[in-house]
Amino acid sequence: MKIFSHPKFLAPLFFVLICLMYFSGISSVPFHPDESTQIFTSADVSQWIQNPLSLAYSQPNTVDARMRYRLIDSPVSRTLIGLGGWLSGKNPVPADWDWSKLWTGNSKLGALPDPDVLLTARWSVAWMFPISCLFLFLAAKKMGGWGAAVLSILLLSTNALILIHTRRAMAESALICLLSASLWGLLCLDKRIWIAAIPIGLAINTKQTTWPLLGVGLLDIFLRPSARIAKPKRFIQAGFFLTIVLIICWVLNPVYWKSPLPALQAGIGFRTDLSERMKSDYQRSYNPLEQSAYFIGQVYIEPPAIADVGNYKIDTLVQEEQYFRNPINNLFRGFAGGAVFLGLTIFGWVILIRRLFSKHEPNRYTVGVFLAITAILGFTIMLFAPTNFQRFYIAVAPLFIVTQAMALNSIGIAIYQRIKKGCLR
């Protein structure tokens, strides 16, 4: 039938199939104890609805486990999980996960969520996947056209790291969505570039390693080569940009409402202490070669991380075996697949760098912004992530996927032209 070959029909069908594949696997993802922590802290939402000032930091002797999480963790994920639980009538777990106890000990404490509570928490963040696809599609289309845009969605939906980490009740789903939205804002908006402050402000409140996007956004406002935006207007846009980010940070963090400076000092102290202990426990190295090896290993080669540490490896073994029975959940991982996708990433960068230095490239500035975002986020993770956990590296996934899609699109076009020439002969 003619209708099935029509792109207007195939595109939505392709997207629906991708979403069905993604959402159908949510319950199969092995449990991670940090999901328990997110569900535990999500109780703040109901408290925020009733009396937000009760969440505020006031003095050092009021710092319990919940207050400590408010001071050191970004709030977006626990807010989404809390809203999901509140709307569905599911109560959060009464206790935080205790890593010094056995699995059974945590279960007795109430830290192990019931299956329906866990599934609700996962859906509370996983619904953002289609939005991630939309914004990544638009950003990739700006960079490499329709072919690269479609390939980007295909690569995103089959990326083994995306499939495991964004389907858990943790920060990664919101992170990927808001990074993709921020990328779209910084690449595709022109006169209204200040609107990118909305996803950037939310991304900052999802994962602290995204703070450099704030600087990129401000520089973009002043450096964007558009004769239609006068200098005074650029200062106004920068003011809007900062104001939006600050409002988002203020609304999402009631912990700062009463005593902002003491709360900020306490938060920095707790965060620094946590980072130092993690670096010590996991022997964090700052050797550039070692960090590059870890980076490549986690992004391209290592299998999807069921756990960050081996405390509960035996307890999740059955879930792990069931999860990996689906081959798509470990697709292209290993040395062979990793080498192919690393090669595609490098080839994509070569294409972009050539475009950056080409006098005939109409989007040189956009290409430069994309490369700057990639470099800044990549080096931020390598330098400031306290450990080499796989999920800390996932922030670069949308950026690398766009370059891989551009490389595949370029190879596809070259093969098609070669075949066409051969047919004409």
Protein backbone atom coordinates (compact mmCIF):
# COMPACT_ATOMS: atom_id res chain seq x y z
CA MET A 1 0.00 0.00 0.00
CA LYS A 2 1.17 3.51 -0.80
CA ILE A 3 0.50 4.90 2.66
CA PHE A 4 3.12 2.64 4.27
CA SER A 5 5.89 4.13 2.14
CA HIS A 6 4.92 7.69 2.94
CA PRO A 7 7.45 9.37 5.28
CA LYS A 8 4.66 11.17 7.17
CA PHE A 9 3.38 7.75 8.23
CA LEU A 10 6.71 6.02 8.74
CA ALA A 11 8.21 8.70 10.99
CA PRO A 12 5.51 8.52 13.72
CA LEU A 13 5.42 4.71 13.44
CA PHE A 14 9.19 4.55 13.87
CA PHE A 15 8.95 6.83 16.92
CA VAL A 16 6.10 4.83 18.50
CA LEU A 17 8.03 1.56 18.08
CA ILE A 18 11.10 3.10 19.72
CA CYS A 19 9.06 4.33 22.69
CA LEU A 20 7.30 0.97 23.08
CA MET A 21 10.64 -0.82 23.13
CA TYR A 22 12.01 1.62 25.69
CA PHE A 23 9.03 1.65 28.07
CA SER A 24 8.39 -2.10 27.89
CA GLY A 25 11.77 -2.73 29.53
CA ILE A 26 11.41 -0.42 32.55
CA SER A 27 10.47 -3.16 35.01
CA SER A 28 13.25 -5.48 33.80
CA VAL A 29 16.10 -3.15 34.82
CA PRO A 30 17.91 -4.51 37.91
CA PHE A 31 17.39 -2.52 41.09
CA HIS A 32 20.09 -0.06 42.21
CA PRO A 33 20.19 0.96 45.91
CA ASP A 34 20.51 4.63 44.93
CA GLU A 35 16.96 4.36 43.64
CA SER A 36 15.93 3.75 47.23
CA THR A 37 17.68 6.96 48.28
CA GLN A 38 15.88 8.95 45.57
CA ILE A 39 12.51 7.51 46.64
CA PHE A 40 13.35 8.17 50.31
CA THR A 41 14.21 11.83 49.66
CA SER A 42 11.17 12.27 47.37
CA ALA A 43 9.09 12.60 50.57
CA ASP A 44 10.16 16.26 50.48
CA VAL A 45 7.54 16.92 47.78
CA SER A 46 4.51 16.36 50.00
CA GLN A 47 6.22 18.44 52.68
CA TRP A 48 6.92 21.18 50.11
CA ILE A 49 3.23 21.23 49.16
CA GLN A 50 2.14 21.55 52.80
CA ASN A 51 4.86 23.79 54.25
CA PRO A 52 7.92 24.49 52.06
CA LEU A 53 9.70 26.48 54.79
CA SER A 54 9.92 23.31 56.86
CA LEU A 55 12.51 22.10 54.32
CA ALA A 56 14.79 25.10 54.90
CA TYR A 57 18.16 24.89 56.60
CA SER A 58 18.28 26.95 59.81
CA GLN A 59 21.11 25.75 62.07
CA PRO A 60 23.78 23.02 62.12
CA ASN A 61 22.11 20.90 64.80
CA THR A 62 19.05 20.37 62.54
CA VAL A 63 20.99 18.45 59.88
CA ASP A 64 19.53 14.94 59.71
CA ALA A 65 19.84 12.53 56.76
CA ARG A 66 17.09 14.25 54.75
CA MET A 67 18.55 17.73 55.31
CA ARG A 68 21.99 16.51 54.28
CA TYR A 69 20.60 15.22 50.98
CA ARG A 70 18.86 18.56 50.38
CA LEU A 71 22.18 20.34 50.87
CA ILE A 72 24.34 18.10 48.66
CA ASP A 73 22.05 16.63 45.97
CA SER A 74 20.36 18.24 43.00
CA PRO A 75 16.56 18.28 43.49
CA VAL A 76 14.97 17.66 40.07
CA SER A 77 14.92 13.85 40.14
CA ARG A 78 13.60 13.49 43.68
CA THR A 79 11.00 16.17 42.91
CA LEU A 80 9.75 14.29 39.84
CA ILE A 81 9.71 10.99 41.76
CA GLY A 82 7.92 12.67 44.66
CA LEU A 83 5.29 14.17 42.35
CA GLY A 84 4.76 10.80 40.69
CA GLY A 85 4.31 9.10 44.03
CA TRP A 86 2.05 11.87 45.35
CA LEU A 87 -0.21 11.78 42.27
CA SER A 88 -0.45 7.98 42.29
CA GLY A 89 -0.91 7.70 46.05
CA LYS A 90 2.31 5.70 46.57
CA ASN A 91 4.21 6.35 49.81
CA PRO A 92 8.01 6.68 49.66
CA VAL A 93 10.21 4.20 51.50
CA PRO A 94 10.47 5.07 55.23
CA ALA A 95 14.23 4.50 55.46
CA ASP A 96 17.30 5.34 53.39
CA TRP A 97 19.48 2.53 52.03
CA ASP A 98 22.31 1.65 54.42
CA TRP A 99 25.35 0.44 52.46
CA SER A 100 26.90 -1.05 55.60
CA LYS A 101 24.01 -3.51 55.95
CA LEU A 102 23.12 -6.64 54.00
CA TRP A 103 20.29 -6.72 51.45
CA THR A 104 18.03 -8.48 53.96
CA GLY A 105 18.91 -5.91 56.62
CA ASN A 106 17.87 -3.05 54.36
CA SER A 107 14.67 -4.90 53.48
CA LYS A 108 13.79 -5.20 57.17
CA LEU A 109 14.43 -1.47 57.65
CA GLY A 110 11.96 -0.69 54.86
CA ALA A 111 14.62 0.68 52.50
CA LEU A 112 13.84 -1.85 49.75
CA PRO A 113 10.87 -0.42 47.81
CA ASP A 114 7.89 -2.56 46.90
CA PRO A 115 7.75 -3.40 43.17
CA ASP A 116 4.79 -1.07 42.53
CA VAL A 117 6.51 1.83 44.36
CA LEU A 118 9.73 1.25 42.41
CA LEU A 119 7.88 1.05 39.10
CA THR A 120 5.96 4.27 39.84
CA ALA A 121 9.23 6.02 40.71
CA ARG A 122 10.84 4.83 37.47
CA TRP A 123 7.89 5.97 35.35
CA SER A 124 8.07 9.35 37.11
CA VAL A 125 11.36 10.04 35.32
CA ALA A 126 11.32 7.65 32.34
CA TRP A 127 8.43 9.54 30.66
CA MET A 128 11.01 12.14 29.65
CA PHE A 129 12.55 9.80 27.05
CA PRO A 130 10.30 10.88 24.13
CA ILE A 131 11.10 14.53 24.95
CA SER A 132 14.81 13.65 24.93
CA CYS A 133 14.33 12.14 21.47
CA LEU A 134 12.53 15.24 20.20
CA PHE A 135 15.17 17.73 21.35
CA LEU A 136 18.06 15.54 20.22
CA PHE A 137 16.38 15.16 16.83
CA LEU A 138 16.12 18.94 16.46
CA ALA A 139 19.72 19.52 17.56
CA ALA A 140 21.05 16.79 15.26
CA LYS A 141 18.98 18.14 12.35
CA LYS A 142 20.61 21.53 12.85
CA MET A 143 24.05 19.93 12.83
CA GLY A 144 23.71 17.34 10.06
CA GLY A 145 20.29 17.40 8.42
CA TRP A 146 17.42 14.90 8.40
CA GLY A 147 19.58 11.82 7.95
CA ALA A 148 21.72 12.58 11.00
CA ALA A 149 18.61 13.50 13.01
CA VAL A 150 16.86 10.16 12.35
CA LEU A 151 20.06 8.21 13.00
CA SER A 152 20.54 10.08 16.29
CA ILE A 153 17.17 8.86 17.58
CA LEU A 154 17.97 5.32 16.49
CA LEU A 155 21.34 5.43 18.25
CA LEU A 156 19.87 6.98 21.39
CA SER A 157 17.14 4.34 21.67
CA THR A 158 19.59 1.43 21.22
CA ASN A 159 22.40 2.81 23.37
CA ALA A 160 22.92 0.25 26.16
CA LEU A 161 23.94 2.92 28.70
CA ILE A 162 20.84 5.00 27.98
CA LEU A 163 18.61 1.94 28.29
CA ILE A 164 19.82 0.96 31.74
CA HIS A 165 20.59 4.27 33.44
CA THR A 166 17.64 6.36 32.25
CA ARG A 167 15.07 3.69 33.10
CA ARG A 168 16.00 3.78 36.78
CA ALA A 169 14.57 6.09 39.42
CA MET A 170 17.72 8.22 39.43
CA ALA A 171 19.04 11.44 37.89
CA GLU A 172 20.06 10.17 34.45
CA SER A 173 16.68 10.30 32.67
CA ALA A 174 16.13 13.96 33.51
CA LEU A 175 19.80 14.67 32.82
CA ILE A 176 19.70 13.31 29.26
CA CYS A 177 16.41 15.08 28.53
CA LEU A 178 17.53 18.46 29.86
CA LEU A 179 20.96 18.21 28.26
CA SER A 180 19.31 17.49 24.90
CA ALA A 181 16.95 20.43 25.44
CA SER A 182 19.88 22.67 26.43
CA LEU A 183 21.78 21.55 23.33
CA TRP A 184 18.76 22.42 21.18
CA GLY A 185 18.47 25.83 22.83
CA LEU A 186 22.14 26.70 22.41
CA LEU A 187 22.31 25.49 18.80
CA CYS A 188 18.91 26.29 17.33
CA LEU A 189 17.68 29.46 18.99
CA ASP A 190 19.00 32.74 17.64
CA LYS A 191 17.35 35.98 18.69
CA ARG A 192 15.76 34.23 21.68
CA ILE A 193 18.83 32.39 22.91
CA TRP A 194 18.00 33.42 26.48
CA ILE A 195 15.16 30.85 26.43
CA ALA A 196 17.86 28.17 26.69
CA ALA A 197 18.16 29.27 30.33
CA ILE A 198 15.08 27.15 31.15
CA PRO A 199 16.54 23.72 30.28
CA ILE A 200 20.00 24.81 31.46
CA GLY A 201 18.65 25.92 34.83
CA LEU A 202 16.80 22.61 35.21
CA ALA A 203 19.86 20.63 34.07
CA ILE A 204 22.00 22.36 36.72
CA ASN A 205 19.45 21.24 39.31
CA THR A 206 19.62 17.68 38.00
CA LYS A 207 23.37 17.09 37.96
CA GLN A 208 25.99 19.50 39.25
CA THR A 209 28.48 18.68 36.46
CA THR A 210 26.25 20.66 34.07
CA TRP A 211 27.14 24.02 35.66
CA PRO A 212 29.50 24.88 32.73
CA LEU A 213 26.41 25.17 30.50
CA LEU A 214 25.61 28.39 32.34
CA GLY A 215 28.88 29.93 31.13
CA VAL A 216 28.38 28.59 27.60
CA GLY A 217 24.91 30.13 27.49
CA LEU A 218 26.11 33.56 28.60
CA LEU A 219 29.02 33.55 26.16
CA ASP A 220 26.67 32.44 23.40
CA ILE A 221 24.45 35.46 24.00
CA PHE A 222 27.36 37.89 23.56
CA LEU A 223 29.31 36.09 20.83
CA ARG A 224 26.52 34.87 18.55
CA PRO A 225 27.10 36.58 15.16
CA SER A 226 23.72 38.12 14.52
CA ALA A 227 23.49 41.69 13.28
CA ARG A 228 19.84 41.74 14.32
CA ILE A 229 20.71 41.68 18.02
CA ALA A 230 22.14 45.00 19.24
CA LYS A 231 24.65 45.10 22.11
CA PRO A 232 22.24 46.62 24.67
CA LYS A 233 19.72 43.91 23.86
CA ARG A 234 22.38 41.24 24.44
CA PHE A 235 22.90 42.57 27.98
CA ILE A 236 19.14 42.44 28.55
CA GLN A 237 19.05 38.84 27.29
CA ALA A 238 21.97 37.93 29.56
CA GLY A 239 20.05 39.45 32.47
CA PHE A 240 16.95 37.41 31.56
CA PHE A 241 19.13 34.33 31.25
CA LEU A 242 20.68 34.68 34.71
CA THR A 243 17.38 35.65 36.29
CA ILE A 244 15.63 32.56 34.92
CA VAL A 245 18.41 30.24 36.13
CA LEU A 246 18.41 31.85 39.59
CA ILE A 247 14.61 31.63 39.89
CA ILE A 248 14.67 27.94 38.95
CA CYS A 249 17.44 27.26 41.49
CA TRP A 250 15.58 29.20 44.19
CA VAL A 251 12.18 27.56 43.64
CA LEU A 252 13.56 24.01 43.49
CA ASN A 253 15.77 24.42 46.57
CA PRO A 254 13.68 25.58 49.55
CA VAL A 255 16.58 24.44 51.73
CA TYR A 256 18.10 27.91 51.05
CA TRP A 257 15.01 30.01 51.74
CA LYS A 258 15.66 30.89 55.38
CA SER A 259 19.46 31.15 55.64
CA PRO A 260 20.90 31.02 52.12
CA LEU A 261 24.57 31.75 52.91
CA PRO A 262 24.89 29.39 55.92
CA ALA A 263 23.03 26.72 53.92
CA LEU A 264 25.35 27.22 50.94
CA GLN A 265 28.42 26.96 53.18
CA ALA A 266 27.05 23.81 54.83
CA GLY A 267 26.22 22.29 51.44
CA ILE A 268 29.70 22.99 50.06
CA GLY A 269 31.23 21.47 53.20
CA PHE A 270 29.13 18.30 53.00
CA ARG A 271 29.69 17.96 49.24
CA THR A 272 33.46 18.43 49.59
CA ASP A 273 33.62 15.87 52.39
CA LEU A 274 31.60 13.35 50.37
CA SER A 275 33.75 13.87 47.25
CA GLU A 276 36.99 13.47 49.20
CA ARG A 277 35.77 10.26 50.84
CA MET A 278 34.65 8.85 47.48
CA LYS A 279 37.98 9.75 45.88
CA SER A 280 39.80 8.05 48.76
CA ASP A 281 37.58 4.96 48.80
CA TYR A 282 37.75 4.43 45.05
CA GLN A 283 41.30 5.75 44.59
CA ARG A 284 40.44 8.48 42.09
CA SER A 285 43.35 9.22 39.74
CA TYR A 286 44.05 12.55 38.03
CA ASN A 287 46.51 11.09 35.54
CA PRO A 288 45.22 12.26 32.09
CA LEU A 289 46.06 8.94 30.40
CA GLU A 290 44.32 6.91 33.10
CA GLN A 291 41.26 9.18 33.02
CA SER A 292 41.12 8.94 29.23
CA ALA A 293 41.24 5.14 29.49
CA TYR A 294 38.45 5.12 32.08
CA PHE A 295 36.43 7.52 29.91
CA ILE A 296 36.74 5.39 26.77
CA GLY A 297 36.15 2.18 28.71
CA GLN A 298 32.97 3.35 30.40
CA VAL A 299 31.49 5.18 27.42
CA TYR A 300 32.27 2.59 24.72
CA ILE A 301 33.46 -0.78 26.03
CA GLU A 302 32.29 -1.80 29.51
CA PRO A 303 28.91 -3.59 29.74
CA PRO A 304 26.01 -1.63 31.24
CA ALA A 305 26.74 -1.22 34.95
CA ILE A 306 24.22 -3.19 36.97
CA ALA A 307 25.97 -1.87 40.09
CA ASP A 308 28.66 0.69 40.83
CA VAL A 309 30.22 -1.50 43.54
CA GLY A 310 29.96 -5.20 44.29
CA ASN A 311 28.19 -5.09 47.67
CA TYR A 312 24.98 -6.65 46.39
CA LYS A 313 26.12 -8.42 43.22
CA ILE A 314 24.73 -11.78 44.39
CA ASP A 315 21.37 -10.23 45.33
CA THR A 316 20.83 -8.78 41.84
CA LEU A 317 22.30 -11.71 39.89
CA VAL A 318 18.95 -13.17 38.80
CA GLN A 319 17.71 -9.75 37.65
CA GLU A 320 20.98 -9.20 35.81
CA GLU A 321 20.73 -12.50 33.92
CA GLN A 322 17.14 -11.80 32.94
CA TYR A 323 18.00 -8.29 31.80
CA PHE A 324 20.82 -9.39 29.53
CA ARG A 325 18.72 -12.09 27.90
CA ASN A 326 17.45 -9.27 25.73
CA PRO A 327 20.40 -8.68 23.35
CA ILE A 328 19.50 -5.03 22.75
CA ASN A 329 20.34 -4.27 26.41
CA ASN A 330 24.02 -4.99 25.72
CA LEU A 331 24.12 -4.03 22.07
CA PHE A 332 27.51 -2.95 20.61
CA ARG A 333 29.32 -3.16 23.96
CA GLY A 334 32.78 -4.74 24.14
CA PHE A 335 36.04 -4.06 22.30
CA ALA A 336 34.68 -4.63 18.79
CA GLY A 337 31.52 -2.55 19.16
CA GLY A 338 33.35 0.04 21.25
CA ALA A 339 36.07 0.43 18.62
CA VAL A 340 33.46 0.93 15.88
CA PHE A 341 31.58 3.62 17.81
CA LEU A 342 34.76 5.32 19.01
CA GLY A 343 35.86 5.44 15.37
CA LEU A 344 32.49 6.90 14.35
CA THR A 345 32.77 9.55 17.08
CA ILE A 346 36.25 10.56 15.93
CA PHE A 347 35.13 10.61 12.29
CA GLY A 348 32.21 12.83 13.30
CA TRP A 349 34.60 15.22 15.03
CA VAL A 350 36.80 15.31 11.92
CA ILE A 351 33.75 16.27 9.84
CA LEU A 352 32.84 19.01 12.33
CA ILE A 353 36.37 20.40 12.59
CA ARG A 354 36.64 20.55 8.80
CA ARG A 355 33.33 22.43 8.69
CA LEU A 356 34.54 24.77 11.44
CA PHE A 357 37.54 25.84 9.36
CA SER A 358 35.72 25.92 6.02
CA LYS A 359 35.02 29.40 4.66
CA HIS A 360 32.00 28.05 2.79
CA GLU A 361 30.30 26.58 5.88
CA PRO A 362 27.17 28.65 6.72
CA ASN A 363 26.89 27.22 10.26
CA ARG A 364 30.48 27.66 11.44
CA TYR A 365 29.43 29.34 14.67
CA THR A 366 26.92 26.58 15.51
CA VAL A 367 29.57 23.94 14.84
CA GLY A 368 31.96 25.81 17.16
CA VAL A 369 29.34 25.95 19.95
CA PHE A 370 28.67 22.21 19.63
CA LEU A 371 32.38 21.35 19.80
CA ALA A 372 32.84 23.71 22.77
CA ILE A 373 29.96 22.09 24.69
CA THR A 374 31.38 18.62 23.98
CA ALA A 375 34.88 19.57 25.12
CA ILE A 376 33.74 21.44 28.24
CA LEU A 377 31.38 18.70 29.45
CA GLY A 378 33.87 15.95 28.68
CA PHE A 379 36.73 17.62 30.57
CA THR A 380 34.43 18.60 33.45
CA ILE A 381 33.48 14.96 33.98
CA MET A 382 37.08 13.76 33.68
CA LEU A 383 38.39 16.38 36.11
CA PHE A 384 35.61 16.71 38.68
CA ALA A 385 33.66 13.44 38.85
CA PRO A 386 34.63 11.97 42.24
CA THR A 387 34.72 8.38 40.95
CA ASN A 388 34.74 6.52 37.65
CA PHE A 389 31.20 5.20 37.94
CA GLN A 390 29.69 4.61 34.51
CA ARG A 391 26.60 6.76 35.10
CA PHE A 392 28.81 9.83 35.68
CA TYR A 393 29.95 9.63 32.05
CA ILE A 394 26.47 9.41 30.53
CA ALA A 395 26.21 13.20 30.16
CA VAL A 396 28.35 13.03 27.01
CA ALA A 397 26.09 10.41 25.39
CA PRO A 398 23.78 12.82 23.47
CA LEU A 399 26.77 14.79 22.17
CA PHE A 400 28.66 11.70 21.03
CA ILE A 401 25.49 10.24 19.49
CA VAL A 402 25.09 13.32 17.27
CA THR A 403 28.68 13.01 16.00
CA GLN A 404 28.23 9.26 15.42
CA ALA A 405 25.02 9.91 13.49
CA MET A 406 26.75 12.52 11.35
CA ALA A 407 29.55 10.06 10.59
CA LEU A 408 27.10 7.28 9.65
CA ASN A 409 25.07 9.68 7.53
CA SER A 410 28.20 10.81 5.70
CA ILE A 411 29.27 7.19 5.09
CA GLY A 412 25.76 6.32 3.87
CA ILE A 413 25.70 9.23 1.44
CA ALA A 414 29.15 8.27 0.11
CA ILE A 415 28.08 4.65 -0.43
CA TYR A 416 24.84 5.73 -2.11
CA GLN A 417 26.70 8.08 -4.47
CA ARG A 418 29.20 5.32 -5.30
CA ILE A 419 26.40 2.87 -6.09
CA LYS A 420 24.57 5.52 -8.13
CA LYS A 421 27.69 6.21 -10.18
CA GLY A 422 28.17 2.49 -10.76
CA CYS A 423 24.56 2.11 -11.91
CA LEU A 424 24.89 5.05 -14.31
CA ARG A 425 27.92 3.46 -15.91
